[in-house]
Each structure stands twice: as structure tokens, then as C-alpha cells.
């Protein structure tokens, strides 16, 4: 996985997020374009805080019906 920001939080690249979510990088770029997933730009590159991605996954979880 990628590096850490100045606060010690882990930063993931597009490839890292794609691997975690089992998507292609193209799918991550689509989510970013639609502003559906939180991201940051670092020197014109996309990066994702690990905590933000995990929170985003939890927020978008659909519970099983009873």
C-alpha cells in the first residue's frame, strides 16, 4: 500500500483502492469523477485516506433484509 500523510494517516493510491474494493482503476476514476468517494489531490495525483475509504465502504453497506 502507499505512504502516509504528515499526520501519520495511511494514503492509498488509485491502484490500492481498486485492489481493496476489487475494482479496476477505471472504476475508481469514475467514482472520483462523480465525487462518490472521498479523495485528496497530492501534486496533481489522487490519493485516498485509508480511514475515509473504510468509512465510505461502511456508509454504503446495504444490510441484509430479514
PDB file of N, CA and C in Angstrom:
ATOM      1  N   UNK A   1       0.840  -1.184   0.000  1.00  0.00           N
ATOM      2  CA  UNK A   1       0.000   0.000   0.000  1.00  0.00           C
ATOM      3  C   UNK A   1       0.888   1.251   0.000  1.00  0.00           C
ATOM      4  N   UNK A   2       0.296   2.373  -0.284  1.00  0.00           N
ATOM      5  CA  UNK A   2       1.045   3.617  -0.432  1.00  0.00           C
ATOM      6  C   UNK A   2       1.556   4.154   0.898  1.00  0.00           C
ATOM      7  N   UNK A   3       1.960   5.427   0.902  1.00  0.00           N
ATOM      8  CA  UNK A   3       2.609   6.034   2.057  1.00  0.00           C
ATOM      9  C   UNK A   3       1.668   6.605   3.094  1.00  0.00           C
ATOM     10  N   UNK A   4       2.213   7.547   3.840  1.00  0.00           N
ATOM     11  CA  UNK A   4       1.493   8.181   4.939  1.00  0.00           C
ATOM     12  C   UNK A   4       1.516   9.686   4.759  1.00  0.00           C
ATOM     13  N   UNK A   5       0.480  10.380   5.252  1.00  0.00           N
ATOM     14  CA  UNK A   5       0.475  11.836   5.198  1.00  0.00           C
ATOM     15  C   UNK A   5       1.235  12.393   6.387  1.00  0.00           C
ATOM     16  N   UNK A   6       1.240  13.718   6.518  1.00  0.00           N
ATOM     17  CA  UNK A   6       2.015  14.364   7.586  1.00  0.00           C
ATOM     18  C   UNK A   6       1.496  14.069   8.981  1.00  0.00           C
ATOM     19  N   UNK A   7       0.294  13.539   9.088  1.00  0.00           N
ATOM     20  CA  UNK A   7      -0.291  13.197  10.389  1.00  0.00           C
ATOM     21  C   UNK A   7      -0.179  11.700  10.683  1.00  0.00           C
ATOM     22  N   UNK A   8       0.526  10.981   9.829  1.00  0.00           N
ATOM     23  CA  UNK A   8       0.706   9.556  10.036  1.00  0.00           C
ATOM     24  C   UNK A   8      -0.445   8.702   9.550  1.00  0.00           C
ATOM     25  N   UNK A   9      -1.392   9.314   8.809  1.00  0.00           N
ATOM     26  CA  UNK A   9      -2.517   8.549   8.276  1.00  0.00           C
ATOM     27  C   UNK A   9      -2.107   7.925   6.943  1.00  0.00           C
ATOM     28  N   UNK A  10      -2.505   6.689   6.739  1.00  0.00           N
ATOM     29  CA  UNK A  10      -2.116   5.978   5.538  1.00  0.00           C
ATOM     30  C   UNK A  10      -2.838   6.519   4.312  1.00  0.00           C
ATOM     31  N   UNK A  11      -2.070   6.800   3.260  1.00  0.00           N
ATOM     32  CA  UNK A  11      -2.618   7.253   1.986  1.00  0.00           C
ATOM     33  C   UNK A  11      -2.569   6.108   0.985  1.00  0.00           C
ATOM     34  N   UNK A  12      -3.667   5.894   0.292  1.00  0.00           N
ATOM     35  CA  UNK A  12      -3.738   4.855  -0.726  1.00  0.00           C
ATOM     36  C   UNK A  12      -3.773   5.485  -2.102  1.00  0.00           C
ATOM     37  N   UNK A  13      -3.193   4.825  -3.064  1.00  0.00           N
ATOM     38  CA  UNK A  13      -3.251   5.242  -4.462  1.00  0.00           C
ATOM     39  C   UNK A  13      -4.525   4.681  -5.096  1.00  0.00           C
ATOM     40  N   UNK A  14      -4.757   5.064  -6.341  1.00  0.00           N
ATOM     41  CA  UNK A  14      -5.900   4.522  -7.079  1.00  0.00           C
ATOM     42  C   UNK A  14      -5.782   3.004  -7.158  1.00  0.00           C
ATOM     43  N   UNK A  15      -4.582   2.507  -7.419  1.00  0.00           N
ATOM     44  CA  UNK A  15      -4.377   1.056  -7.512  1.00  0.00           C
ATOM     45  C   UNK A  15      -4.669   0.371  -6.177  1.00  0.00           C
ATOM     46  N   UNK A  16      -4.248   1.006  -5.078  1.00  0.00           N
ATOM     47  CA  UNK A  16      -4.510   0.435  -3.753  1.00  0.00           C
ATOM     48  C   UNK A  16      -6.010   0.314  -3.487  1.00  0.00           C
ATOM     49  N   UNK A  17      -6.736   1.386  -3.780  1.00  0.00           N
ATOM     50  CA  UNK A  17      -8.187   1.388  -3.540  1.00  0.00           C
ATOM     51  C   UNK A  17      -8.873   0.385  -4.460  1.00  0.00           C
ATOM     52  N   UNK A  18      -8.446   0.338  -5.711  1.00  0.00           N
ATOM     53  CA  UNK A  18      -9.016  -0.615  -6.656  1.00  0.00           C
ATOM     54  C   UNK A  18      -8.796  -2.046  -6.166  1.00  0.00           C
ATOM     55  N   UNK A  19      -7.618  -2.320  -5.683  1.00  0.00           N
ATOM     56  CA  UNK A  19      -7.323  -3.663  -5.158  1.00  0.00           C
ATOM     57  C   UNK A  19      -8.212  -3.967  -3.949  1.00  0.00           C
ATOM     58  N   UNK A  20      -8.313  -3.025  -3.028  1.00  0.00           N
ATOM     59  CA  UNK A  20      -9.118  -3.233  -1.821  1.00  0.00           C
ATOM     60  C   UNK A  20     -10.594  -3.469  -2.164  1.00  0.00           C
ATOM     61  N   UNK A  21     -11.114  -2.683  -3.108  1.00  0.00           N
ATOM     62  CA  UNK A  21     -12.535  -2.779  -3.463  1.00  0.00           C
ATOM     63  C   UNK A  21     -12.794  -3.829  -4.549  1.00  0.00           C
ATOM     64  N   UNK A  22     -11.747  -4.460  -5.030  1.00  0.00           N
ATOM     65  CA  UNK A  22     -11.844  -5.458  -6.090  1.00  0.00           C
ATOM     66  C   UNK A  22     -12.505  -4.880  -7.339  1.00  0.00           C
ATOM     67  N   UNK A  23     -12.026  -3.685  -7.708  1.00  0.00           N
ATOM     68  CA  UNK A  23     -12.465  -2.998  -8.913  1.00  0.00           C
ATOM     69  C   UNK A  23     -11.249  -2.712  -9.780  1.00  0.00           C
ATOM     70  N   UNK A  24     -11.493  -2.309 -11.004  1.00  0.00           N
ATOM     71  CA  UNK A  24     -10.409  -1.846 -11.866  1.00  0.00           C
ATOM     72  C   UNK A  24     -10.146  -0.369 -11.552  1.00  0.00           C
ATOM     73  N   UNK A  25      -8.928   0.104 -11.772  1.00  0.00           N
ATOM     74  CA  UNK A  25      -8.650   1.532 -11.549  1.00  0.00           C
ATOM     75  C   UNK A  25      -9.628   2.452 -12.282  1.00  0.00           C
ATOM     76  N   UNK A  26     -10.067   2.028 -13.466  1.00  0.00           N
ATOM     77  CA  UNK A  26     -11.037   2.819 -14.228  1.00  0.00           C
ATOM     78  C   UNK A  26     -12.310   3.064 -13.408  1.00  0.00           C
ATOM     79  N   UNK A  27     -12.725   2.076 -12.642  1.00  0.00           N
ATOM     80  CA  UNK A  27     -13.905   2.225 -11.788  1.00  0.00           C
ATOM     81  C   UNK A  27     -13.686   3.231 -10.674  1.00  0.00           C
ATOM     82  N   UNK A  28     -12.471   3.277 -10.136  1.00  0.00           N
ATOM     83  CA  UNK A  28     -12.152   4.256  -9.091  1.00  0.00           C
ATOM     84  C   UNK A  28     -12.171   5.659  -9.673  1.00  0.00           C
ATOM     85  N   UNK A  29     -11.587   5.828 -10.872  1.00  0.00           N
ATOM     86  CA  UNK A  29     -11.612   7.141 -11.523  1.00  0.00           C
ATOM     87  C   UNK A  29     -13.054   7.599 -11.773  1.00  0.00           C
ATOM     88  N   UNK A  30     -13.937   6.669 -12.117  1.00  0.00           N
ATOM     89  CA  UNK A  30     -15.351   7.016 -12.328  1.00  0.00           C
ATOM     90  C   UNK A  30     -15.994   7.481 -11.030  1.00  0.00           C
ATOM     91  N   UNK A  31     -15.706   6.794  -9.929  1.00  0.00           N
ATOM     92  CA  UNK A  31     -16.235   7.213  -8.626  1.00  0.00           C
ATOM     93  C   UNK A  31     -15.734   8.604  -8.253  1.00  0.00           C
ATOM     94  N   UNK A  32     -14.476   8.874  -8.536  1.00  0.00           N
ATOM     95  CA  UNK A  32     -13.893  10.191  -8.247  1.00  0.00           C
ATOM     96  C   UNK A  32     -14.557  11.257  -9.116  1.00  0.00           C
ATOM     97  N   UNK A  33     -14.713  10.964 -10.392  1.00  0.00           N
ATOM     98  CA  UNK A  33     -15.315  11.929 -11.310  1.00  0.00           C
ATOM     99  C   UNK A  33     -16.723  12.314 -10.876  1.00  0.00           C
ATOM    100  N   UNK A  34     -17.457  11.326 -10.349  1.00  0.00           N
ATOM    101  CA  UNK A  34     -18.825  11.582  -9.867  1.00  0.00           C
ATOM    102  C   UNK A  34     -18.849  12.068  -8.415  1.00  0.00           C
ATOM    103  N   UNK A  35     -17.649  12.227  -7.827  1.00  0.00           N
ATOM    104  CA  UNK A  35     -17.490  12.679  -6.432  1.00  0.00           C
ATOM    105  C   UNK A  35     -18.248  11.763  -5.466  1.00  0.00           C
ATOM    106  N   UNK A  36     -18.184  10.461  -5.729  1.00  0.00           N
ATOM    107  CA  UNK A  36     -18.875   9.491  -4.885  1.00  0.00           C
ATOM    108  C   UNK A  36     -17.976   8.907  -3.805  1.00  0.00           C
ATOM    109  N   UNK A  37     -16.679   9.085  -3.930  1.00  0.00           N
ATOM    110  CA  UNK A  37     -15.733   8.549  -2.956  1.00  0.00           C
ATOM    111  C   UNK A  37     -14.808   9.697  -2.525  1.00  0.00           C
ATOM    112  N   UNK A  38     -14.514   9.806  -1.235  1.00  0.00           N
ATOM    113  CA  UNK A  38     -13.646  10.899  -0.783  1.00  0.00           C
ATOM    114  C   UNK A  38     -12.204  10.692  -1.250  1.00  0.00           C
ATOM    115  N   UNK A  39     -11.564  11.777  -1.661  1.00  0.00           N
ATOM    116  CA  UNK A  39     -10.192  11.719  -2.142  1.00  0.00           C
ATOM    117  C   UNK A  39      -9.489  13.041  -1.885  1.00  0.00           C
ATOM    118  N   UNK A  40      -8.176  13.026  -2.033  1.00  0.00           N
ATOM    119  CA  UNK A  40      -7.373  14.242  -1.959  1.00  0.00           C
ATOM    120  C   UNK A  40      -6.436  14.264  -3.157  1.00  0.00           C
ATOM    121  N   UNK A  41      -6.029  15.448  -3.538  1.00  0.00           N
ATOM    122  CA  UNK A  41      -5.039  15.587  -4.605  1.00  0.00           C
ATOM    123  C   UNK A  41      -3.712  15.957  -3.967  1.00  0.00           C
ATOM    124  N   UNK A  42      -2.676  15.219  -4.313  1.00  0.00           N
ATOM    125  CA  UNK A  42      -1.324  15.479  -3.845  1.00  0.00           C
ATOM    126  C   UNK A  42      -0.462  15.620  -5.090  1.00  0.00           C
ATOM    127  N   UNK A  43       0.036  16.832  -5.319  1.00  0.00           N
ATOM    128  CA  UNK A  43       0.836  17.095  -6.525  1.00  0.00           C
ATOM    129  C   UNK A  43       0.130  16.586  -7.776  1.00  0.00           C
ATOM    130  N   UNK A  44      -1.146  16.897  -7.867  1.00  0.00           N
ATOM    131  CA  UNK A  44      -1.981  16.545  -9.020  1.00  0.00           C
ATOM    132  C   UNK A  44      -2.237  15.042  -9.170  1.00  0.00           C
ATOM    133  N   UNK A  45      -1.958  14.278  -8.119  1.00  0.00           N
ATOM    134  CA  UNK A  45      -2.246  12.840  -8.121  1.00  0.00           C
ATOM    135  C   UNK A  45      -3.343  12.552  -7.113  1.00  0.00           C
ATOM    136  N   UNK A  46      -4.141  11.564  -7.409  1.00  0.00           N
ATOM    137  CA  UNK A  46      -5.219  11.192  -6.499  1.00  0.00           C
ATOM    138  C   UNK A  46      -4.686  10.305  -5.389  1.00  0.00           C
ATOM    139  N   UNK A  47      -5.094  10.619  -4.181  1.00  0.00           N
ATOM    140  CA  UNK A  47      -4.765   9.798  -3.019  1.00  0.00           C
ATOM    141  C   UNK A  47      -6.018   9.702  -2.166  1.00  0.00           C
ATOM    142  N   UNK A  48      -6.081   8.643  -1.383  1.00  0.00           N
ATOM    143  CA  UNK A  48      -7.248   8.361  -0.559  1.00  0.00           C
ATOM    144  C   UNK A  48      -6.779   8.037   0.849  1.00  0.00           C
ATOM    145  N   UNK A  49      -7.362   8.695   1.838  1.00  0.00           N
ATOM    146  CA  UNK A  49      -7.057   8.335   3.213  1.00  0.00           C
ATOM    147  C   UNK A  49      -7.706   6.986   3.500  1.00  0.00           C
ATOM    148  N   UNK A  50      -6.926   6.075   4.038  1.00  0.00           N
ATOM    149  CA  UNK A  50      -7.422   4.734   4.334  1.00  0.00           C
ATOM    150  C   UNK A  50      -8.691   4.803   5.179  1.00  0.00           C
ATOM    151  N   UNK A  51      -8.671   5.649   6.203  1.00  0.00           N
ATOM    152  CA  UNK A  51      -9.828   5.775   7.097  1.00  0.00           C
ATOM    153  C   UNK A  51     -11.065   6.251   6.333  1.00  0.00           C
ATOM    154  N   UNK A  52     -10.877   7.164   5.372  1.00  0.00           N
ATOM    155  CA  UNK A  52     -12.004   7.649   4.570  1.00  0.00           C
ATOM    156  C   UNK A  52     -12.594   6.535   3.713  1.00  0.00           C
ATOM    157  N   UNK A  53     -11.729   5.719   3.114  1.00  0.00           N
ATOM    158  CA  UNK A  53     -12.211   4.620   2.271  1.00  0.00           C
ATOM    159  C   UNK A  53     -12.984   3.609   3.112  1.00  0.00           C
ATOM    160  N   UNK A  54     -12.433   3.258   4.260  1.00  0.00           N
ATOM    161  CA  UNK A  54     -13.123   2.296   5.130  1.00  0.00           C
ATOM    162  C   UNK A  54     -14.470   2.849   5.597  1.00  0.00           C
ATOM    163  N   UNK A  55     -14.518   4.138   5.946  1.00  0.00           N
ATOM    164  CA  UNK A  55     -15.771   4.766   6.371  1.00  0.00           C
ATOM    165  C   UNK A  55     -16.766   4.810   5.209  1.00  0.00           C
ATOM    166  N   UNK A  56     -16.272   5.105   4.018  1.00  0.00           N
ATOM    167  CA  UNK A  56     -17.125   5.161   2.831  1.00  0.00           C
ATOM    168  C   UNK A  56     -17.749   3.793   2.557  1.00  0.00           C
ATOM    169  N   UNK A  57     -16.958   2.750   2.688  1.00  0.00           N
ATOM    170  CA  UNK A  57     -17.471   1.384   2.493  1.00  0.00           C
ATOM    171  C   UNK A  57     -18.575   1.102   3.513  1.00  0.00           C
ATOM    172  N   UNK A  58     -18.327   1.444   4.755  1.00  0.00           N
ATOM    173  CA  UNK A  58     -19.331   1.203   5.810  1.00  0.00           C
ATOM    174  C   UNK A  58     -20.605   2.007   5.559  1.00  0.00           C
ATOM    175  N   UNK A  59     -20.474   3.263   5.133  1.00  0.00           N
ATOM    176  CA  UNK A  59     -21.637   4.111   4.857  1.00  0.00           C
ATOM    177  C   UNK A  59     -22.470   3.572   3.707  1.00  0.00           C
ATOM    178  N   UNK A  60     -21.828   2.885   2.769  1.00  0.00           N
ATOM    179  CA  UNK A  60     -22.511   2.386   1.580  1.00  0.00           C
ATOM    180  C   UNK A  60     -22.912   0.921   1.694  1.00  0.00           C
ATOM    181  N   UNK A  61     -22.706   0.364   2.858  1.00  0.00           N
ATOM    182  CA  UNK A  61     -23.082  -1.034   3.095  1.00  0.00           C
ATOM    183  C   UNK A  61     -24.600  -1.154   3.127  1.00  0.00           C
ATOM    184  N   UNK A  62     -25.103  -2.125   2.426  1.00  0.00           N
ATOM    185  CA  UNK A  62     -26.541  -2.390   2.400  1.00  0.00           C
ATOM    186  C   UNK A  62     -26.779  -3.597   3.296  1.00  0.00           C
ATOM    187  N   UNK A  63     -27.531  -3.390   4.384  1.00  0.00           N
ATOM    188  CA  UNK A  63     -27.769  -4.515   5.309  1.00  0.00           C
ATOM    189  C   UNK A  63     -28.654  -5.575   4.655  1.00  0.00           C
ATOM    190  N   UNK A  64     -28.468  -6.802   5.101  1.00  0.00           N
ATOM    191  CA  UNK A  64     -29.306  -7.901   4.629  1.00  0.00           C
ATOM    192  C   UNK A  64     -30.709  -7.722   5.167  1.00  0.00           C
ATOM    193  N   UNK A  65     -31.669  -8.059   4.355  1.00  0.00           N
ATOM    194  CA  UNK A  65     -33.062  -7.950   4.810  1.00  0.00           C
ATOM    195  C   UNK A  65     -33.415  -9.183   5.630  1.00  0.00           C
ATOM    196  N   UNK A  66     -34.385  -9.014   6.473  1.00  0.00           N
ATOM    197  CA  UNK A  66     -34.804 -10.118   7.354  1.00  0.00           C
ATOM    198  C   UNK A  66     -35.874 -10.953   6.725  1.00  0.00           C
TER     199      UNK A  66
END
